[in-house]
Amino acid sequence: MTLLAVAVAGRGLVDPAEPVFFADDEAVVRGTAAFETLRIRDATPVLLDRHVERLERSSASLRLPPPDGARELAREAVAGAGVKEGALRLFRTSATLVATVAPLPAGLDSLRRRGLALVTIRVAAHGLLTGIKSTSYGANMAAVAEAERRGADDALFVGERETVLEATTANVWWRDGDVLTTPSVAAGVLPGVTRAAVAELARGAGYRIREGEFTLPTLLRADEAFTSSAVREIVPVISVDGRELHRGDAAGELQRLLESVR
């Protein structure tokens, strides 16, 4: 990843090549840190307040210092990068608060046109980290590697009795008529900031939202399916475990609506 700007609490903008995390930081020693990833659009961090609010909750749950000044640090990093589009990350560790800006991942538009091929990976309940945006993403990244080994783009986590959970870095949705379904937070998924924004936009567009615990066959019978996340935003799902899914209009409609959110 090429960093375009790095800002550190108490220091301001620093050289992106300069180390900013200490060797004894709990983020390095035990992977204990809270973080947020935001889309930058028109030089503005999208849904910044909501992301900072979740960062505050995650930091408190992990017994980290509060991320005071995160909004200002985020804006400083975006201004320092001098870009209209990009990906902003905020990190609250035991020792510091850091904001970084990087280019958007290459090929997002082509991925959205092509759609995601997913494979299922069974996991246990997330337990004490449920609802926390933590940097403990080792299992998720291992799942991505396994999905790619099996010729897919990403993994879809399923729990006991094939309960649908989420993708490795995204929430999952599917549509039946005018009903959009997404697993509930109670099922053990991350309460995505983009997930909440999509639900609001969908209701405004006339869709009904259904949350709960659902099994994989329910998703496979849907009229269409897609994922939502801060950087990729909405991406259609075209297959799960090699089984092709229908493509519909909701994903494109909601993506267009999401692009107006700041």
C-alpha atoms as a PDB file:
ATOM      1  CA  MET A   1       0.000   0.000   0.000  1.00  0.00           C
ATOM      2  CA  THR A   2       1.316   3.449  -0.945  1.00  0.00           C
ATOM      3  CA  LEU A   3       0.510   6.040   1.701  1.00  0.00           C
ATOM      4  CA  LEU A   4      -0.172   9.553   0.497  1.00  0.00           C
ATOM      5  CA  ALA A   5      -0.323  11.199   3.917  1.00  0.00           C
ATOM      6  CA  VAL A   6       0.099  10.279   7.586  1.00  0.00           C
ATOM      7  CA  ALA A   7      -0.986  12.413  10.538  1.00  0.00           C
ATOM      8  CA  VAL A   8      -0.175  11.588  14.169  1.00  0.00           C
ATOM      9  CA  ALA A   9      -1.897  13.069  17.197  1.00  0.00           C
ATOM     10  CA  GLY A  10       0.321  15.710  18.813  1.00  0.00           C
ATOM     11  CA  ARG A  11       2.686  15.798  15.827  1.00  0.00           C
ATOM     12  CA  GLY A  12       0.551  16.599  12.822  1.00  0.00           C
ATOM     13  CA  LEU A  13       1.599  15.512   9.345  1.00  0.00           C
ATOM     14  CA  VAL A  14       4.710  13.343   9.177  1.00  0.00           C
ATOM     15  CA  ASP A  15       6.668  11.756   6.355  1.00  0.00           C
ATOM     16  CA  PRO A  16       4.629   8.710   5.199  1.00  0.00           C
ATOM     17  CA  ALA A  17       7.856   6.683   5.266  1.00  0.00           C
ATOM     18  CA  GLU A  18       8.447   7.473   8.933  1.00  0.00           C
ATOM     19  CA  PRO A  19       7.554   4.790  11.541  1.00  0.00           C
ATOM     20  CA  VAL A  20       4.714   5.910  13.818  1.00  0.00           C
ATOM     21  CA  PHE A  21       3.920   2.826  15.941  1.00  0.00           C
ATOM     22  CA  PHE A  22       6.118   1.810  18.864  1.00  0.00           C
ATOM     23  CA  ALA A  23       7.515  -1.712  19.208  1.00  0.00           C
ATOM     24  CA  ASP A  24       5.870  -2.145  22.625  1.00  0.00           C
ATOM     25  CA  ASP A  25       2.487  -0.852  21.474  1.00  0.00           C
ATOM     26  CA  GLU A  26      -0.309  -3.345  22.234  1.00  0.00           C
ATOM     27  CA  ALA A  27      -1.331  -2.991  18.582  1.00  0.00           C
ATOM     28  CA  VAL A  28       1.969  -4.629  17.604  1.00  0.00           C
ATOM     29  CA  VAL A  29       2.387  -7.002  20.539  1.00  0.00           C
ATOM     30  CA  ARG A  30      -1.143  -8.420  20.713  1.00  0.00           C
ATOM     31  CA  GLY A  31      -3.100  -6.888  17.822  1.00  0.00           C
ATOM     32  CA  THR A  32      -5.111  -4.802  20.274  1.00  0.00           C
ATOM     33  CA  ALA A  33      -6.147  -1.641  18.465  1.00  0.00           C
ATOM     34  CA  ALA A  34      -9.316  -0.068  17.141  1.00  0.00           C
ATOM     35  CA  PHE A  35      -9.536   1.231  13.620  1.00  0.00           C
ATOM     36  CA  GLU A  36     -11.892   2.669  11.017  1.00  0.00           C
ATOM     37  CA  THR A  37     -11.711   2.764   7.234  1.00  0.00           C
ATOM     38  CA  LEU A  38     -13.502   5.543   5.365  1.00  0.00           C
ATOM     39  CA  ARG A  39     -14.067   6.451   1.752  1.00  0.00           C
ATOM     40  CA  ILE A  40     -12.846   9.901   0.705  1.00  0.00           C
ATOM     41  CA  ARG A  41     -15.081  11.529  -1.889  1.00  0.00           C
ATOM     42  CA  ASP A  42     -14.715  15.108  -3.141  1.00  0.00           C
ATOM     43  CA  ALA A  43     -11.895  15.547  -0.591  1.00  0.00           C
ATOM     44  CA  THR A  44     -14.376  14.755   2.214  1.00  0.00           C
ATOM     45  CA  PRO A  45     -14.244  11.749   4.575  1.00  0.00           C
ATOM     46  CA  VAL A  46     -17.621  10.058   4.044  1.00  0.00           C
ATOM     47  CA  LEU A  47     -19.727   9.546   7.199  1.00  0.00           C
ATOM     48  CA  LEU A  48     -16.843  10.744   9.374  1.00  0.00           C
ATOM     49  CA  ASP A  49     -18.930  11.397  12.493  1.00  0.00           C
ATOM     50  CA  ARG A  50     -20.456   7.910  12.451  1.00  0.00           C
ATOM     51  CA  HIS A  51     -17.071   6.273  11.983  1.00  0.00           C
ATOM     52  CA  VAL A  52     -15.531   8.252  14.831  1.00  0.00           C
ATOM     53  CA  GLU A  53     -18.452   7.338  17.086  1.00  0.00           C
ATOM     54  CA  ARG A  54     -17.839   3.654  16.373  1.00  0.00           C
ATOM     55  CA  LEU A  55     -14.098   4.167  16.930  1.00  0.00           C
ATOM     56  CA  GLU A  56     -14.942   5.604  20.345  1.00  0.00           C
ATOM     57  CA  ARG A  57     -17.086   2.568  21.210  1.00  0.00           C
ATOM     58  CA  SER A  58     -14.448   0.104  19.994  1.00  0.00           C
ATOM     59  CA  SER A  59     -11.694   1.915  21.902  1.00  0.00           C
ATOM     60  CA  ALA A  60     -13.709   1.810  25.106  1.00  0.00           C
ATOM     61  CA  SER A  61     -14.454  -1.908  24.664  1.00  0.00           C
ATOM     62  CA  LEU A  62     -10.744  -2.644  24.171  1.00  0.00           C
ATOM     63  CA  ARG A  63      -9.799  -0.425  27.157  1.00  0.00           C
ATOM     64  CA  LEU A  64      -7.822   1.923  24.943  1.00  0.00           C
ATOM     65  CA  PRO A  65      -7.546   5.685  25.435  1.00  0.00           C
ATOM     66  CA  PRO A  66     -10.388   7.622  23.790  1.00  0.00           C
ATOM     67  CA  PRO A  67      -9.640   8.786  20.230  1.00  0.00           C
ATOM     68  CA  ASP A  68      -9.906  12.464  21.128  1.00  0.00           C
ATOM     69  CA  GLY A  69      -9.235  14.717  18.154  1.00  0.00           C
ATOM     70  CA  ALA A  70      -9.877  11.967  15.592  1.00  0.00           C
ATOM     71  CA  ARG A  71     -12.083  14.159  13.405  1.00  0.00           C
ATOM     72  CA  GLU A  72      -9.518  16.924  13.211  1.00  0.00           C
ATOM     73  CA  LEU A  73      -6.687  14.459  12.584  1.00  0.00           C
ATOM     74  CA  ALA A  74      -8.667  12.819   9.782  1.00  0.00           C
ATOM     75  CA  ARG A  75      -9.295  16.135   8.054  1.00  0.00           C
ATOM     76  CA  GLU A  76      -5.623  17.087   8.450  1.00  0.00           C
ATOM     77  CA  ALA A  77      -4.527  13.857   6.767  1.00  0.00           C
ATOM     78  CA  VAL A  78      -6.992  14.305   3.897  1.00  0.00           C
ATOM     79  CA  ALA A  79      -5.866  17.884   3.337  1.00  0.00           C
ATOM     80  CA  GLY A  80      -2.234  16.777   3.445  1.00  0.00           C
ATOM     81  CA  ALA A  81      -2.855  14.105   0.830  1.00  0.00           C
ATOM     82  CA  GLY A  82      -4.401  16.642  -1.529  1.00  0.00           C
ATOM     83  CA  VAL A  83      -6.687  14.106  -3.216  1.00  0.00           C
ATOM     84  CA  LYS A  84     -10.397  14.098  -3.997  1.00  0.00           C
ATOM     85  CA  GLU A  85     -10.736  10.289  -3.853  1.00  0.00           C
ATOM     86  CA  GLY A  86      -9.006   7.854  -1.574  1.00  0.00           C
ATOM     87  CA  ALA A  87      -9.164   5.643   1.501  1.00  0.00           C
ATOM     88  CA  LEU A  88      -8.741   7.086   4.986  1.00  0.00           C
ATOM     89  CA  ARG A  89      -7.851   4.933   7.995  1.00  0.00           C
ATOM     90  CA  LEU A  90      -7.930   5.898  11.650  1.00  0.00           C
ATOM     91  CA  PHE A  91      -6.033   3.846  14.239  1.00  0.00           C
ATOM     92  CA  ARG A  92      -6.402   4.141  18.022  1.00  0.00           C
ATOM     93  CA  THR A  93      -3.697   2.092  19.713  1.00  0.00           C
ATOM     94  CA  SER A  94      -2.558   1.936  23.317  1.00  0.00           C
ATOM     95  CA  ALA A  95       0.065   4.581  22.580  1.00  0.00           C
ATOM     96  CA  THR A  96      -1.114   6.778  19.736  1.00  0.00           C
ATOM     97  CA  LEU A  97      -3.808   7.969  17.353  1.00  0.00           C
ATOM     98  CA  VAL A  98      -2.923   7.878  13.646  1.00  0.00           C
ATOM     99  CA  ALA A  99      -4.681   8.815  10.411  1.00  0.00           C
ATOM    100  CA  THR A 100      -3.465   7.603   7.013  1.00  0.00           C
ATOM    101  CA  VAL A 101      -4.590   8.280   3.453  1.00  0.00           C
ATOM    102  CA  ALA A 102      -3.985   5.889   0.553  1.00  0.00           C
ATOM    103  CA  PRO A 103      -5.281   5.643  -3.013  1.00  0.00           C
ATOM    104  CA  LEU A 104      -8.434   3.654  -3.607  1.00  0.00           C
ATOM    105  CA  PRO A 105      -7.787   0.011  -4.518  1.00  0.00           C
ATOM    106  CA  ALA A 106      -7.354  -0.438  -8.250  1.00  0.00           C
ATOM    107  CA  GLY A 107     -10.175  -1.910 -10.295  1.00  0.00           C
ATOM    108  CA  LEU A 108     -13.163  -1.043  -8.098  1.00  0.00           C
ATOM    109  CA  ASP A 109     -15.368  -0.044 -11.026  1.00  0.00           C
ATOM    110  CA  SER A 110     -14.529  -3.176 -13.000  1.00  0.00           C
ATOM    111  CA  LEU A 111     -15.121  -5.321  -9.905  1.00  0.00           C
ATOM    112  CA  ARG A 112     -18.532  -3.736  -9.477  1.00  0.00           C
ATOM    113  CA  ARG A 113     -19.377  -4.459 -13.107  1.00  0.00           C
ATOM    114  CA  ARG A 114     -18.123  -8.046 -12.857  1.00  0.00           C
ATOM    115  CA  GLY A 115     -19.423  -8.837  -9.395  1.00  0.00           C
ATOM    116  CA  LEU A 116     -18.025 -10.930  -6.552  1.00  0.00           C
ATOM    117  CA  ALA A 117     -17.597 -14.687  -6.507  1.00  0.00           C
ATOM    118  CA  LEU A 118     -17.761 -15.889  -2.894  1.00  0.00           C
ATOM    119  CA  VAL A 119     -17.014 -19.169  -1.187  1.00  0.00           C
ATOM    120  CA  THR A 120     -18.365 -20.083   2.226  1.00  0.00           C
ATOM    121  CA  ILE A 121     -16.115 -20.603   5.220  1.00  0.00           C
ATOM    122  CA  ARG A 122     -17.572 -21.855   8.467  1.00  0.00           C
ATOM    123  CA  VAL A 123     -16.619 -19.970  11.604  1.00  0.00           C
ATOM    124  CA  ALA A 124     -17.507 -20.009  15.276  1.00  0.00           C
ATOM    125  CA  ALA A 125     -19.293 -17.079  16.872  1.00  0.00           C
ATOM    126  CA  HIS A 126     -17.117 -13.975  17.145  1.00  0.00           C
ATOM    127  CA  GLY A 127     -17.616 -13.853  20.939  1.00  0.00           C
ATOM    128  CA  LEU A 128     -16.158 -10.950  22.866  1.00  0.00           C
ATOM    129  CA  LEU A 129     -15.102  -9.068  19.734  1.00  0.00           C
ATOM    130  CA  THR A 130     -18.637  -8.982  18.325  1.00  0.00           C
ATOM    131  CA  GLY A 131     -19.458  -5.425  17.277  1.00  0.00           C
ATOM    132  CA  ILE A 132     -15.881  -4.164  17.786  1.00  0.00           C
ATOM    133  CA  LYS A 133     -13.853  -2.830  14.873  1.00  0.00           C
ATOM    134  CA  SER A 134     -10.519  -4.284  15.947  1.00  0.00           C
ATOM    135  CA  THR A 135      -7.270  -4.739  14.033  1.00  0.00           C
ATOM    136  CA  SER A 136      -7.371  -8.448  14.948  1.00  0.00           C
ATOM    137  CA  TYR A 137      -8.079  -9.372  11.319  1.00  0.00           C
ATOM    138  CA  GLY A 138      -5.724 -12.332  10.965  1.00  0.00           C
ATOM    139  CA  ALA A 139      -8.542 -14.846  10.519  1.00  0.00           C
ATOM    140  CA  ASN A 140     -10.254 -12.614   7.963  1.00  0.00           C
ATOM    141  CA  MET A 141      -7.122 -12.246   5.875  1.00  0.00           C
ATOM    142  CA  ALA A 142      -6.517 -15.990   6.037  1.00  0.00           C
ATOM    143  CA  ALA A 143     -10.079 -16.461   4.771  1.00  0.00           C
ATOM    144  CA  VAL A 144      -9.400 -14.132   1.818  1.00  0.00           C
ATOM    145  CA  ALA A 145      -6.290 -16.161   0.958  1.00  0.00           C
ATOM    146  CA  GLU A 146      -8.296 -19.393   1.132  1.00  0.00           C
ATOM    147  CA  ALA A 147     -11.041 -17.931  -1.058  1.00  0.00           C
ATOM    148  CA  GLU A 148      -8.504 -16.854  -3.670  1.00  0.00           C
ATOM    149  CA  ARG A 149      -6.885 -20.297  -3.534  1.00  0.00           C
ATOM    150  CA  ARG A 150     -10.304 -21.724  -4.392  1.00  0.00           C
ATOM    151  CA  GLY A 151     -10.685 -19.347  -7.346  1.00  0.00           C
ATOM    152  CA  ALA A 152     -13.046 -16.843  -5.696  1.00  0.00           C
ATOM    153  CA  ASP A 153     -12.789 -13.157  -4.797  1.00  0.00           C
ATOM    154  CA  ASP A 154     -13.746 -13.295  -1.129  1.00  0.00           C
ATOM    155  CA  ALA A 155     -15.152 -15.486   1.615  1.00  0.00           C
ATOM    156  CA  LEU A 156     -18.645 -15.503   3.077  1.00  0.00           C
ATOM    157  CA  PHE A 157     -18.619 -16.484   6.745  1.00  0.00           C
ATOM    158  CA  VAL A 158     -21.366 -18.839   7.861  1.00  0.00           C
ATOM    159  CA  GLY A 159     -22.017 -20.074  11.370  1.00  0.00           C
ATOM    160  CA  GLU A 160     -23.794 -23.060  12.845  1.00  0.00           C
ATOM    161  CA  ARG A 161     -26.600 -24.522  10.728  1.00  0.00           C
ATOM    162  CA  GLU A 162     -25.296 -22.471   7.749  1.00  0.00           C
ATOM    163  CA  THR A 163     -26.336 -19.176   9.331  1.00  0.00           C
ATOM    164  CA  VAL A 164     -25.202 -16.365   7.020  1.00  0.00           C
ATOM    165  CA  LEU A 165     -22.930 -13.844   8.766  1.00  0.00           C
ATOM    166  CA  GLU A 166     -20.785 -11.492   6.659  1.00  0.00           C
ATOM    167  CA  ALA A 167     -17.936 -11.292   4.188  1.00  0.00           C
ATOM    168  CA  THR A 168     -14.372 -10.775   5.413  1.00  0.00           C
ATOM    169  CA  THR A 169     -14.545  -6.969   5.252  1.00  0.00           C
ATOM    170  CA  ALA A 170     -18.156  -6.290   4.271  1.00  0.00           C
ATOM    171  CA  ASN A 171     -21.750  -6.840   5.260  1.00  0.00           C
ATOM    172  CA  VAL A 172     -23.922  -8.963   2.996  1.00  0.00           C
ATOM    173  CA  TRP A 173     -27.427  -8.231   1.669  1.00  0.00           C
ATOM    174  CA  TRP A 174     -29.954  -9.919  -0.583  1.00  0.00           C
ATOM    175  CA  ARG A 175     -33.237  -8.868  -2.172  1.00  0.00           C
ATOM    176  CA  ASP A 176     -36.578 -10.616  -2.552  1.00  0.00           C
ATOM    177  CA  GLY A 177     -38.960  -8.301  -4.380  1.00  0.00           C
ATOM    178  CA  ASP A 178     -38.992  -5.027  -2.436  1.00  0.00           C
ATOM    179  CA  VAL A 179     -37.504  -6.600   0.724  1.00  0.00           C
ATOM    180  CA  LEU A 180     -33.806  -6.224   1.466  1.00  0.00           C
ATOM    181  CA  THR A 181     -32.431  -8.691   4.002  1.00  0.00           C
ATOM    182  CA  THR A 182     -29.212  -8.453   6.004  1.00  0.00           C
ATOM    183  CA  PRO A 183     -28.025 -10.493   9.014  1.00  0.00           C
ATOM    184  CA  SER A 184     -28.670  -8.729  12.302  1.00  0.00           C
ATOM    185  CA  VAL A 185     -25.960  -7.532  14.638  1.00  0.00           C
ATOM    186  CA  ALA A 186     -27.291 -10.074  17.151  1.00  0.00           C
ATOM    187  CA  ALA A 187     -26.192 -12.814  14.758  1.00  0.00           C
ATOM    188  CA  GLY A 188     -22.594 -11.750  15.370  1.00  0.00           C
ATOM    189  CA  VAL A 189     -21.841  -9.386  12.467  1.00  0.00           C
ATOM    190  CA  LEU A 190     -20.101  -6.038  12.609  1.00  0.00           C
ATOM    191  CA  PRO A 191     -22.584  -3.122  12.701  1.00  0.00           C
ATOM    192  CA  GLY A 192     -21.201  -1.540   9.543  1.00  0.00           C
ATOM    193  CA  VAL A 193     -21.451   2.223   9.192  1.00  0.00           C
ATOM    194  CA  THR A 194     -22.094   1.793   5.477  1.00  0.00           C
ATOM    195  CA  ARG A 195     -24.609  -0.943   6.303  1.00  0.00           C
ATOM    196  CA  ALA A 196     -26.632   1.543   8.357  1.00  0.00           C
ATOM    197  CA  ALA A 197     -26.414   4.181   5.613  1.00  0.00           C
ATOM    198  CA  VAL A 198     -27.571   1.680   2.983  1.00  0.00           C
ATOM    199  CA  ALA A 199     -30.561   0.731   5.147  1.00  0.00           C
ATOM    200  CA  GLU A 200     -31.575   4.390   5.438  1.00  0.00           C
ATOM    201  CA  LEU A 201     -31.169   4.997   1.709  1.00  0.00           C
ATOM    202  CA  ALA A 202     -33.074   1.827   0.853  1.00  0.00           C
ATOM    203  CA  ARG A 203     -36.028   2.778   3.035  1.00  0.00           C
ATOM    204  CA  GLY A 204     -36.108   6.169   1.362  1.00  0.00           C
ATOM    205  CA  ALA A 205     -36.154   4.426  -2.022  1.00  0.00           C
ATOM    206  CA  GLY A 206     -39.165   2.301  -1.060  1.00  0.00           C
ATOM    207  CA  TYR A 207     -37.516  -0.930   0.073  1.00  0.00           C
ATOM    208  CA  ARG A 208     -38.429  -2.746   3.250  1.00  0.00           C
ATOM    209  CA  ILE A 209     -35.557  -3.875   5.480  1.00  0.00           C
ATOM    210  CA  ARG A 210     -35.513  -7.244   7.192  1.00  0.00           C
ATOM    211  CA  GLU A 211     -32.877  -8.181   9.776  1.00  0.00           C
ATOM    212  CA  GLY A 212     -32.442 -11.453  11.618  1.00  0.00           C
ATOM    213  CA  GLU A 213     -30.720 -14.824  11.432  1.00  0.00           C
ATOM    214  CA  PHE A 214     -31.012 -16.582   8.078  1.00  0.00           C
ATOM    215  CA  THR A 215     -29.514 -19.698   6.536  1.00  0.00           C
ATOM    216  CA  LEU A 216     -27.557 -19.947   3.315  1.00  0.00           C
ATOM    217  CA  PRO A 217     -30.413 -21.426   1.199  1.00  0.00           C
ATOM    218  CA  THR A 218     -32.404 -18.240   1.848  1.00  0.00           C
ATOM    219  CA  LEU A 219     -29.657 -16.154   0.265  1.00  0.00           C
ATOM    220  CA  LEU A 220     -29.204 -18.554  -2.646  1.00  0.00           C
ATOM    221  CA  ARG A 221     -32.891 -18.248  -3.600  1.00  0.00           C
ATOM    222  CA  ALA A 222     -32.843 -14.432  -3.623  1.00  0.00           C
ATOM    223  CA  ASP A 223     -33.498 -12.158  -6.597  1.00  0.00           C
ATOM    224  CA  GLU A 224     -30.025 -10.647  -6.131  1.00  0.00           C
ATOM    225  CA  ALA A 225     -27.310 -10.234  -3.515  1.00  0.00           C
ATOM    226  CA  PHE A 226     -24.579  -7.701  -2.803  1.00  0.00           C
ATOM    227  CA  THR A 227     -22.070  -6.567  -0.192  1.00  0.00           C
ATOM    228  CA  SER A 228     -21.610  -3.171   1.415  1.00  0.00           C
ATOM    229  CA  SER A 229     -18.442  -1.677   2.860  1.00  0.00           C
ATOM    230  CA  ALA A 230     -16.846   1.733   3.295  1.00  0.00           C
ATOM    231  CA  VAL A 231     -14.290   1.623   0.457  1.00  0.00           C
ATOM    232  CA  ARG A 232     -15.709  -0.869  -2.040  1.00  0.00           C
ATOM    233  CA  GLU A 233     -19.205   0.405  -1.226  1.00  0.00           C
ATOM    234  CA  ILE A 234     -21.837  -1.771  -2.937  1.00  0.00           C
ATOM    235  CA  VAL A 235     -20.682  -4.706  -5.045  1.00  0.00           C
ATOM    236  CA  PRO A 236     -23.028  -7.338  -6.548  1.00  0.00           C
ATOM    237  CA  VAL A 237     -22.505 -10.979  -5.605  1.00  0.00           C
ATOM    238  CA  ILE A 238     -22.649 -13.212  -8.668  1.00  0.00           C
ATOM    239  CA  SER A 239     -21.959 -16.628  -7.135  1.00  0.00           C
ATOM    240  CA  VAL A 240     -21.574 -18.503  -3.859  1.00  0.00           C
ATOM    241  CA  ASP A 241     -19.628 -21.768  -3.837  1.00  0.00           C
ATOM    242  CA  GLY A 242     -19.901 -21.867  -7.635  1.00  0.00           C
ATOM    243  CA  ARG A 243     -23.675 -21.471  -7.650  1.00  0.00           C
ATOM    244  CA  GLU A 244     -24.643 -18.513  -9.826  1.00  0.00           C
ATOM    245  CA  LEU A 245     -26.935 -15.833  -8.408  1.00  0.00           C
ATOM    246  CA  HIS A 246     -29.294 -13.523 -10.231  1.00  0.00           C
ATOM    247  CA  ARG A 247     -28.249  -9.947 -10.896  1.00  0.00           C
ATOM    248  CA  GLY A 248     -30.772  -7.202 -10.229  1.00  0.00           C
ATOM    249  CA  ASP A 249     -31.188  -3.446 -10.147  1.00  0.00           C
ATOM    250  CA  ALA A 250     -31.099  -2.735  -6.415  1.00  0.00           C
ATOM    251  CA  ALA A 251     -27.296  -2.858  -6.094  1.00  0.00           C
ATOM    252  CA  GLY A 252     -26.768  -0.273  -8.832  1.00  0.00           C
ATOM    253  CA  GLU A 253     -29.580   1.938  -7.567  1.00  0.00           C
ATOM    254  CA  LEU A 254     -28.266   1.949  -4.015  1.00  0.00           C
ATOM    255  CA  GLN A 255     -24.691   2.547  -5.186  1.00  0.00           C
ATOM    256  CA  ARG A 256     -25.827   5.682  -7.000  1.00  0.00           C
ATOM    257  CA  LEU A 257     -27.635   6.882  -3.894  1.00  0.00           C
ATOM    258  CA  LEU A 258     -24.628   6.098  -1.715  1.00  0.00           C
ATOM    259  CA  GLU A 259     -22.393   8.220  -3.906  1.00  0.00           C
ATOM    260  CA  SER A 260     -24.361  11.297  -2.806  1.00  0.00           C
ATOM    261  CA  VAL A 261     -23.651  10.687   0.892  1.00  0.00           C
ATOM    262  CA  ARG A 262     -20.944  12.737   2.606  1.00  0.00           C
END
